[in-house]
C-alpha atoms as a PDB file:
ATOM      1  CA  MET A   1      92.787  58.585  65.546  1.00  0.00           C
ATOM      2  CA  ASP A   2      92.551  54.563  66.341  1.00  0.00           C
ATOM      3  CA  GLN A   3      89.562  54.128  68.216  1.00  0.00           C
ATOM      4  CA  THR A   4      90.628  52.027  71.342  1.00  0.00           C
ATOM      5  CA  LYS A   5      93.598  54.930  71.204  1.00  0.00           C
ATOM      6  CA  GLN A   6      91.115  57.495  71.387  1.00  0.00           C
ATOM      7  CA  ASP A   7      89.508  55.559  74.437  1.00  0.00           C
ATOM      8  CA  GLU A   8      92.253  55.225  76.657  1.00  0.00           C
ATOM      9  CA  GLU A   9      93.471  58.782  76.166  1.00  0.00           C
ATOM     10  CA  TYR A  10      90.179  60.150  77.280  1.00  0.00           C
ATOM     11  CA  GLY A  11      89.467  58.171  79.534  1.00  0.00           C
ATOM     12  CA  TYR A  12      86.527  55.962  77.873  1.00  0.00           C
ATOM     13  CA  ASP A  13      88.567  52.640  78.816  1.00  0.00           C
ATOM     14  CA  LEU A  14      86.908  53.470  82.542  1.00  0.00           C
ATOM     15  CA  PHE A  15      83.885  53.297  81.324  1.00  0.00           C
ATOM     16  CA  PRO A  16      83.310  50.288  79.163  1.00  0.00           C
ATOM     17  CA  GLU A  17      79.641  50.857  78.279  1.00  0.00           C
ATOM     18  CA  ARG A  18      80.311  53.895  76.601  1.00  0.00           C
ATOM     19  CA  ASN A  19      81.452  52.007  73.811  1.00  0.00           C
ATOM     20  CA  THR A  20      78.277  51.527  71.437  1.00  0.00           C
ATOM     21  CA  GLU A  21      78.082  47.545  70.658  1.00  0.00           C
ATOM     22  CA  LYS A  22      79.159  46.480  74.308  1.00  0.00           C
ATOM     23  CA  HIS A  23      76.506  49.413  75.496  1.00  0.00           C
ATOM     24  CA  LYS A  24      73.724  47.863  73.815  1.00  0.00           C
ATOM     25  CA  LYS A  25      74.828  44.078  74.489  1.00  0.00           C
ATOM     26  CA  SER A  26      74.911  44.888  77.787  1.00  0.00           C
ATOM     27  CA  LEU A  27      70.956  46.458  78.259  1.00  0.00           C
ATOM     28  CA  ILE A  28      68.921  43.367  78.807  1.00  0.00           C
ATOM     29  CA  ARG A  29      71.648  41.841  81.562  1.00  0.00           C
ATOM     30  CA  ASP A  30      71.423  45.446  82.731  1.00  0.00           C
ATOM     31  CA  SER A  31      67.090  45.404  83.408  1.00  0.00           C
ATOM     32  CA  LEU A  32      67.697  42.477  85.261  1.00  0.00           C
ATOM     33  CA  PHE A  33      70.685  43.122  87.214  1.00  0.00           C
ATOM     34  CA  ILE A  34      70.441  44.255  90.884  1.00  0.00           C
ATOM     35  CA  PHE A  35      73.062  46.776  90.988  1.00  0.00           C
ATOM     36  CA  ASN A  36      71.701  48.865  87.993  1.00  0.00           C
ATOM     37  CA  HIS A  37      67.802  49.385  89.815  1.00  0.00           C
ATOM     38  CA  LYS A  38      69.855  49.963  93.742  1.00  0.00           C
ATOM     39  CA  CYS A  39      72.150  52.284  91.521  1.00  0.00           C
ATOM     40  CA  GLN A  40      68.872  54.189  89.999  1.00  0.00           C
ATOM     41  CA  VAL A  41      66.533  54.381  93.506  1.00  0.00           C
ATOM     42  CA  MET A  42      69.868  56.086  95.093  1.00  0.00           C
ATOM     43  CA  LEU A  43      69.922  57.966  91.993  1.00  0.00           C
ATOM     44  CA  THR A  44      66.396  59.206  92.263  1.00  0.00           C
ATOM     45  CA  PHE A  45      66.700  59.845  96.378  1.00  0.00           C
ATOM     46  CA  ALA A  46      69.816  62.082  95.847  1.00  0.00           C
ATOM     47  CA  ILE A  47      68.143  64.462  93.049  1.00  0.00           C
ATOM     48  CA  GLU A  48      65.532  64.744  95.277  1.00  0.00           C
ATOM     49  CA  THR A  49      66.855  65.567  98.782  1.00  0.00           C
ATOM     50  CA  SER A  50      70.496  66.210  98.524  1.00  0.00           C
ATOM     51  CA  PRO A  51      70.791  70.143  98.472  1.00  0.00           C
ATOM     52  CA  TYR A  52      73.625  70.210  96.294  1.00  0.00           C
ATOM     53  CA  ALA A  53      72.527  68.416  93.603  1.00  0.00           C
ATOM     54  CA  LYS A  54      68.827  70.335  94.160  1.00  0.00           C
ATOM     55  CA  LEU A  55      70.725  73.353  93.822  1.00  0.00           C
ATOM     56  CA  LEU A  56      73.213  72.429  90.821  1.00  0.00           C
ATOM     57  CA  LEU A  57      69.508  71.059  88.676  1.00  0.00           C
ATOM     58  CA  GLY A  58      68.295  74.385  89.866  1.00  0.00           C
ATOM     59  CA  ALA A  59      70.453  76.677  88.542  1.00  0.00           C
ATOM     60  CA  MET A  60      70.998  74.658  85.095  1.00  0.00           C
ATOM     61  CA  LYS A  61      67.861  74.543  84.991  1.00  0.00           C
ATOM     62  CA  ASN A  62      67.658  78.568  84.933  1.00  0.00           C
ATOM     63  CA  SER A  63      70.466  78.580  82.186  1.00  0.00           C
ATOM     64  CA  GLY A  64      68.425  76.738  79.541  1.00  0.00           C
ATOM     65  CA  CYS A  65      70.448  73.210  80.818  1.00  0.00           C
ATOM     66  CA  LYS A  66      66.982  70.957  82.018  1.00  0.00           C
ATOM     67  CA  VAL A  67      68.468  68.131  83.611  1.00  0.00           C
ATOM     68  CA  LEU A  68      66.519  64.762  82.189  1.00  0.00           C
ATOM     69  CA  LYS A  69      66.803  61.406  84.811  1.00  0.00           C
ATOM     70  CA  ASP A  70      66.026  59.290  81.948  1.00  0.00           C
ATOM     71  CA  ARG A  71      68.295  61.505  79.262  1.00  0.00           C
ATOM     72  CA  HIS A  72      71.756  62.498  81.386  1.00  0.00           C
ATOM     73  CA  PHE A  73      72.220  60.027  83.599  1.00  0.00           C
ATOM     74  CA  SER A  74      73.397  56.512  83.318  1.00  0.00           C
ATOM     75  CA  CYS A  75      74.397  53.746  85.814  1.00  0.00           C
ATOM     76  CA  GLU A  76      76.771  51.299  84.039  1.00  0.00           C
ATOM     77  CA  ASP A  77      79.818  48.981  85.397  1.00  0.00           C
ATOM     78  CA  CYS A  78      82.914  50.962  85.469  1.00  0.00           C
ATOM     79  CA  ASP A  79      86.767  50.255  85.853  1.00  0.00           C
ATOM     80  CA  GLY A  80      87.142  49.343  89.561  1.00  0.00           C
ATOM     81  CA  THR A  81      89.010  52.982  90.444  1.00  0.00           C
ATOM     82  CA  VAL A  82      86.416  55.493  89.219  1.00  0.00           C
ATOM     83  CA  SER A  83      83.063  56.473  90.557  1.00  0.00           C
ATOM     84  CA  GLY A  84      81.838  58.441  88.141  1.00  0.00           C
ATOM     85  CA  GLY A  85      82.514  60.482  84.953  1.00  0.00           C
ATOM     86  CA  PHE A  86      80.813  63.389  82.807  1.00  0.00           C
ATOM     87  CA  ASP A  87      80.509  62.720  79.390  1.00  0.00           C
ATOM     88  CA  ALA A  88      80.949  65.791  77.477  1.00  0.00           C
ATOM     89  CA  ALA A  89      80.857  64.084  73.862  1.00  0.00           C
ATOM     90  CA  SER A  90      76.711  62.773  75.029  1.00  0.00           C
ATOM     91  CA  SER A  91      76.613  65.543  77.745  1.00  0.00           C
ATOM     92  CA  GLN A  92      75.811  62.749  80.228  1.00  0.00           C
ATOM     93  CA  ILE A  93      76.307  61.529  83.667  1.00  0.00           C
ATOM     94  CA  VAL A  94      78.121  58.477  84.513  1.00  0.00           C
ATOM     95  CA  LEU A  95      77.102  56.286  87.525  1.00  0.00           C
ATOM     96  CA  CYS A  96      79.060  53.647  88.300  1.00  0.00           C
ATOM     97  CA  GLN A  97      76.858  51.164  89.972  1.00  0.00           C
ATOM     98  CA  ASN A  98      79.478  48.674  90.608  1.00  0.00           C
ATOM     99  CA  ASN A  99      81.513  50.840  92.623  1.00  0.00           C
ATOM    100  CA  ILE A 100      79.006  53.216  94.203  1.00  0.00           C
ATOM    101  CA  HIS A 101      77.173  51.167  97.065  1.00  0.00           C
ATOM    102  CA  GLN A 102      76.535  53.860  99.950  1.00  0.00           C
ATOM    103  CA  GLN A 103      73.737  56.742  99.784  1.00  0.00           C
ATOM    104  CA  SER A 104      76.498  59.297 100.565  1.00  0.00           C
ATOM    105  CA  HIS A 105      78.632  58.034  97.797  1.00  0.00           C
ATOM    106  CA  MET A 106      76.029  58.272  96.298  1.00  0.00           C
ATOM    107  CA  ASN A 107      75.257  62.027  96.607  1.00  0.00           C
ATOM    108  CA  ARG A 108      78.859  62.954  96.112  1.00  0.00           C
ATOM    109  CA  VAL A 109      79.242  61.561  92.949  1.00  0.00           C
ATOM    110  CA  VAL A 110      76.675  63.158  91.665  1.00  0.00           C
ATOM    111  CA  THR A 111      76.933  66.494  92.981  1.00  0.00           C
ATOM    112  CA  HIS A 112      80.299  66.091  91.810  1.00  0.00           C
ATOM    113  CA  GLU A 113      79.913  65.119  88.049  1.00  0.00           C
ATOM    114  CA  LEU A 114      76.830  67.887  87.819  1.00  0.00           C
ATOM    115  CA  ILE A 115      79.451  71.096  88.547  1.00  0.00           C
ATOM    116  CA  HIS A 116      80.556  68.734  85.669  1.00  0.00           C
ATOM    117  CA  ALA A 117      77.723  69.527  83.818  1.00  0.00           C
ATOM    118  CA  PHE A 118      76.747  73.324  85.410  1.00  0.00           C
ATOM    119  CA  ASP A 119      80.497  73.903  83.871  1.00  0.00           C
ATOM    120  CA  HIS A 120      79.765  72.823  80.826  1.00  0.00           C
ATOM    121  CA  CYS A 121      76.218  74.096  80.120  1.00  0.00           C
ATOM    122  CA  ARG A 122      77.648  77.883  82.012  1.00  0.00           C
ATOM    123  CA  ALA A 123      81.394  78.147  79.241  1.00  0.00           C
ATOM    124  CA  HIS A 124      82.726  76.109  76.391  1.00  0.00           C
ATOM    125  CA  VAL A 125      84.521  74.144  77.984  1.00  0.00           C
ATOM    126  CA  ASP A 126      87.120  72.203  76.196  1.00  0.00           C
ATOM    127  CA  TRP A 127      87.052  68.975  77.635  1.00  0.00           C
ATOM    128  CA  PHE A 128      89.024  66.742  75.011  1.00  0.00           C
ATOM    129  CA  ASN A 129      92.015  69.410  73.963  1.00  0.00           C
ATOM    130  CA  ASN A 130      92.000  72.728  76.476  1.00  0.00           C
ATOM    131  CA  PHE A 131      94.015  71.187  79.928  1.00  0.00           C
ATOM    132  CA  LYS A 132      93.654  74.156  81.793  1.00  0.00           C
ATOM    133  CA  HIS A 133      89.671  73.913  80.894  1.00  0.00           C
ATOM    134  CA  LEU A 134      89.695  70.156  82.332  1.00  0.00           C
ATOM    135  CA  ALA A 135      91.967  70.782  85.394  1.00  0.00           C
ATOM    136  CA  CYS A 136      89.647  73.651  86.502  1.00  0.00           C
ATOM    137  CA  SER A 137      86.070  71.951  86.055  1.00  0.00           C
ATOM    138  CA  GLU A 138      87.880  69.249  88.375  1.00  0.00           C
ATOM    139  CA  ILE A 139      89.093  71.837  90.877  1.00  0.00           C
ATOM    140  CA  ARG A 140      85.680  73.094  91.588  1.00  0.00           C
ATOM    141  CA  ALA A 141      84.489  69.968  91.950  1.00  0.00           C
ATOM    142  CA  ALA A 142      86.342  69.086  94.213  1.00  0.00           C
ATOM    143  CA  ASN A 143      86.311  72.180  96.002  1.00  0.00           C
ATOM    144  CA  LEU A 144      82.321  72.363  96.014  1.00  0.00           C
ATOM    145  CA  SER A 145      80.988  69.109  95.822  1.00  0.00           C
ATOM    146  CA  GLY A 146      81.535  67.710  99.782  1.00  0.00           C
ATOM    147  CA  ASP A 147      84.572  65.143  98.297  1.00  0.00           C
ATOM    148  CA  CYS A 148      87.208  67.008 100.478  1.00  0.00           C
ATOM    149  CA  SER A 149      85.123  67.499 103.733  1.00  0.00           C
ATOM    150  CA  PHE A 150      86.080  67.082 107.392  1.00  0.00           C
ATOM    151  CA  SER A 151      84.276  64.020 107.808  1.00  0.00           C
ATOM    152  CA  ASN A 152      85.413  62.586 104.273  1.00  0.00           C
ATOM    153  CA  GLU A 153      89.062  63.101 105.279  1.00  0.00           C
ATOM    154  CA  VAL A 154      89.273  62.059 108.686  1.00  0.00           C
ATOM    155  CA  ALA A 155      87.729  58.752 106.729  1.00  0.00           C
ATOM    156  CA  ARG A 156      90.519  58.615 104.241  1.00  0.00           C
ATOM    157  CA  PHE A 157      93.258  59.232 107.571  1.00  0.00           C
ATOM    158  CA  ASN A 158      94.077  61.975 106.048  1.00  0.00           C
ATOM    159  CA  PHE A 159      94.504  64.783 108.546  1.00  0.00           C
ATOM    160  CA  GLY A 160      96.028  68.585 108.439  1.00  0.00           C
ATOM    161  CA  LEU A 161      95.911  72.253 110.051  1.00  0.00           C
ATOM    162  CA  LYS A 162      97.220  74.830 107.587  1.00  0.00           C
ATOM    163  CA  GLU A 163      94.689  74.873 103.972  1.00  0.00           C
ATOM    164  CA  HIS A 164      94.366  71.249 104.329  1.00  0.00           C
ATOM    165  CA  HIS A 165      90.753  72.181 102.346  1.00  0.00           C
ATOM    166  CA  GLN A 166      92.947  73.681  99.417  1.00  0.00           C
ATOM    167  CA  GLU A 167      95.552  70.746  99.132  1.00  0.00           C
ATOM    168  CA  CYS A 168      93.217  68.097  99.612  1.00  0.00           C
ATOM    169  CA  VAL A 169      91.559  69.930  96.328  1.00  0.00           C
ATOM    170  CA  ARG A 170      94.077  70.473  94.376  1.00  0.00           C
ATOM    171  CA  GLY A 171      95.620  66.942  95.379  1.00  0.00           C
ATOM    172  CA  ARG A 172      92.080  65.160  93.868  1.00  0.00           C
ATOM    173  CA  ALA A 173      91.665  67.747  90.728  1.00  0.00           C
ATOM    174  CA  VAL A 174      95.762  66.062  89.638  1.00  0.00           C
ATOM    175  CA  ARG A 175      94.313  62.449  90.123  1.00  0.00           C
ATOM    176  CA  SER A 176      91.384  62.550  87.875  1.00  0.00           C
ATOM    177  CA  ILE A 177      93.149  64.889  85.193  1.00  0.00           C
ATOM    178  CA  LEU A 178      95.654  61.823  85.570  1.00  0.00           C
ATOM    179  CA  ALA A 179      92.524  58.858  85.261  1.00  0.00           C
ATOM    180  CA  VAL A 180      91.014  60.280  82.041  1.00  0.00           C
ATOM    181  CA  ARG A 181      94.694  61.787  80.352  1.00  0.00           C
ATOM    182  CA  LYS A 182      97.845  60.061  79.047  1.00  0.00           C
ATOM    183  CA  ILE A 183      99.924  62.509  81.047  1.00  0.00           C
ATOM    184  CA  SER A 184     102.618  62.377  83.777  1.00  0.00           C
ATOM    185  CA  ARG A 185     102.141  63.366  87.347  1.00  0.00           C
ATOM    186  CA  GLU A 186     104.330  66.504  86.685  1.00  0.00           C
ATOM    187  CA  GLU A 187     102.525  67.794  84.628  1.00  0.00           C
ATOM    188  CA  ALA A 188      99.587  67.249  85.718  1.00  0.00           C
ATOM    189  CA  GLN A 189     100.328  69.310  88.676  1.00  0.00           C
ATOM    190  CA  LYS A 190     102.252  72.049  86.635  1.00  0.00           C
ATOM    191  CA  ILE A 191      98.326  72.503  84.615  1.00  0.00           C
ATOM    192  CA  VAL A 192      96.970  72.887  88.664  1.00  0.00           C
ATOM    193  CA  ASP A 193      98.366  74.877  89.882  1.00  0.00           C
ATOM    194  CA  GLU A 194      98.836  77.355  86.684  1.00  0.00           C
ATOM    195  CA  VAL A 195      94.319  77.777  87.538  1.00  0.00           C
ATOM    196  CA  PHE A 196      94.184  76.750  90.821  1.00  0.00           C
ATOM    197  CA  ASP A 197      93.759  79.749  92.290  1.00  0.00           C
ATOM    198  CA  SER A 198      90.910  81.565  90.323  1.00  0.00           C
ATOM    199  CA  CYS A 199      89.467  77.984  89.351  1.00  0.00           C
ATOM    200  CA  PHE A 200      89.474  77.486  93.640  1.00  0.00           C
ATOM    201  CA  ASN A 201      87.464  80.748  94.228  1.00  0.00           C
ATOM    202  CA  ASP A 202      84.774  80.409  91.188  1.00  0.00           C
ATOM    203  CA  HIS A 203      81.942  78.776  94.213  1.00  0.00           C
ATOM    204  CA  ALA A 204      79.606  79.109  91.103  1.00  0.00           C
ATOM    205  CA  PRO A 205      76.614  78.544  91.798  1.00  0.00           C
ATOM    206  CA  PHE A 206      76.513  77.755  95.656  1.00  0.00           C
ATOM    207  CA  GLY A 207      78.488  81.462  96.568  1.00  0.00           C
ATOM    208  CA  ARG A 208      80.795  79.350  98.918  1.00  0.00           C
ATOM    209  CA  ILE A 209      82.014  76.164  99.645  1.00  0.00           C
ATOM    210  CA  PRO A 210      79.500  74.584 101.076  1.00  0.00           C
ATOM    211  CA  HIS A 211      81.428  72.326 103.685  1.00  0.00           C
ATOM    212  CA  GLY A 212      78.804  70.346 104.695  1.00  0.00           C
ATOM    213  CA  ASN A 213      74.725  69.864 104.556  1.00  0.00           C
ATOM    214  CA  LYS A 214      74.229  72.535 106.164  1.00  0.00           C
ATOM    215  CA  ASP A 215      76.103  74.380 104.226  1.00  0.00           C
ATOM    216  CA  ALA A 216      74.134  72.722 101.488  1.00  0.00           C
ATOM    217  CA  LYS A 217      70.827  73.905 102.554  1.00  0.00           C
ATOM    218  CA  PHE A 218      71.436  77.660 103.679  1.00  0.00           C
ATOM    219  CA  ALA A 219      72.633  78.303 100.400  1.00  0.00           C
ATOM    220  CA  TYR A 220      70.238  76.507  97.878  1.00  0.00           C
ATOM    221  CA  ARG A 221      67.712  78.425 100.236  1.00  0.00           C
ATOM    222  CA  GLU A 222      68.689  81.598  99.614  1.00  0.00           C
ATOM    223  CA  TYR A 223      69.314  80.187  95.404  1.00  0.00           C
ATOM    224  CA  ALA A 224      66.176  79.595  96.038  1.00  0.00           C
ATOM    225  CA  ASN A 225      64.935  82.796  96.939  1.00  0.00           C
ATOM    226  CA  ARG A 226      66.734  85.048  95.531  1.00  0.00           C
ATOM    227  CA  ASP A 227      64.147  86.364  92.467  1.00  0.00           C
ATOM    228  CA  ARG A 228      62.163  87.135  95.956  1.00  0.00           C
ATOM    229  CA  TYR A 229      64.778  89.305  97.644  1.00  0.00           C
ATOM    230  CA  TYR A 230      65.648  91.093  93.924  1.00  0.00           C
ATOM    231  CA  ALA A 231      62.228  91.578  93.620  1.00  0.00           C
ATOM    232  CA  ASN A 232      62.271  93.802  96.411  1.00  0.00           C
ATOM    233  CA  LEU A 233      65.646  95.804  95.368  1.00  0.00           C
END
């Protein structure tokens, strides 16, 4: 397949530094670029303090997929429409240093992409050929990362009552698919609808939907103390 066409079909055109030649040329520039330094600082703070990230990193380590900051995260310039991505080909999380400017945003992006990485670790996800696999992980990431929390939805001026969280998750999953795959909105919605119930109700490794930091901290404490619980059975 023509490389340019393949990049467009799999969403790599949104992450230009995924191009090997461009990436090599940009290394010196990145070392001097203030966005990169700020991104690295916020990333370190996220993985060391966010209960969402700490739980996911612990779950991946216990599943045999230890995440290394320098190996599995990359701060890069991206297309203006995205904040991050998971590159399954390299098992690497891309953080868009030109689009992430606040710590709370960084925490959400890290969590969202770590959910994809967790799914990549625990299951045989066919990211490039099976749209249902992609849709399932996007549903889980939108559901469990805090993307659809009440505060974030209010900040977007999105208000609703009955099943608003579900509709937010559904909508963000569709948009995520459309960003990285060249299919129609109708097709993306159909795929999301087909897998929505089972994937929305898959809360691993949190055990519940964490609607905020308080829920995430509780889930993290439960996860951290699980061995102590089972040892007393």
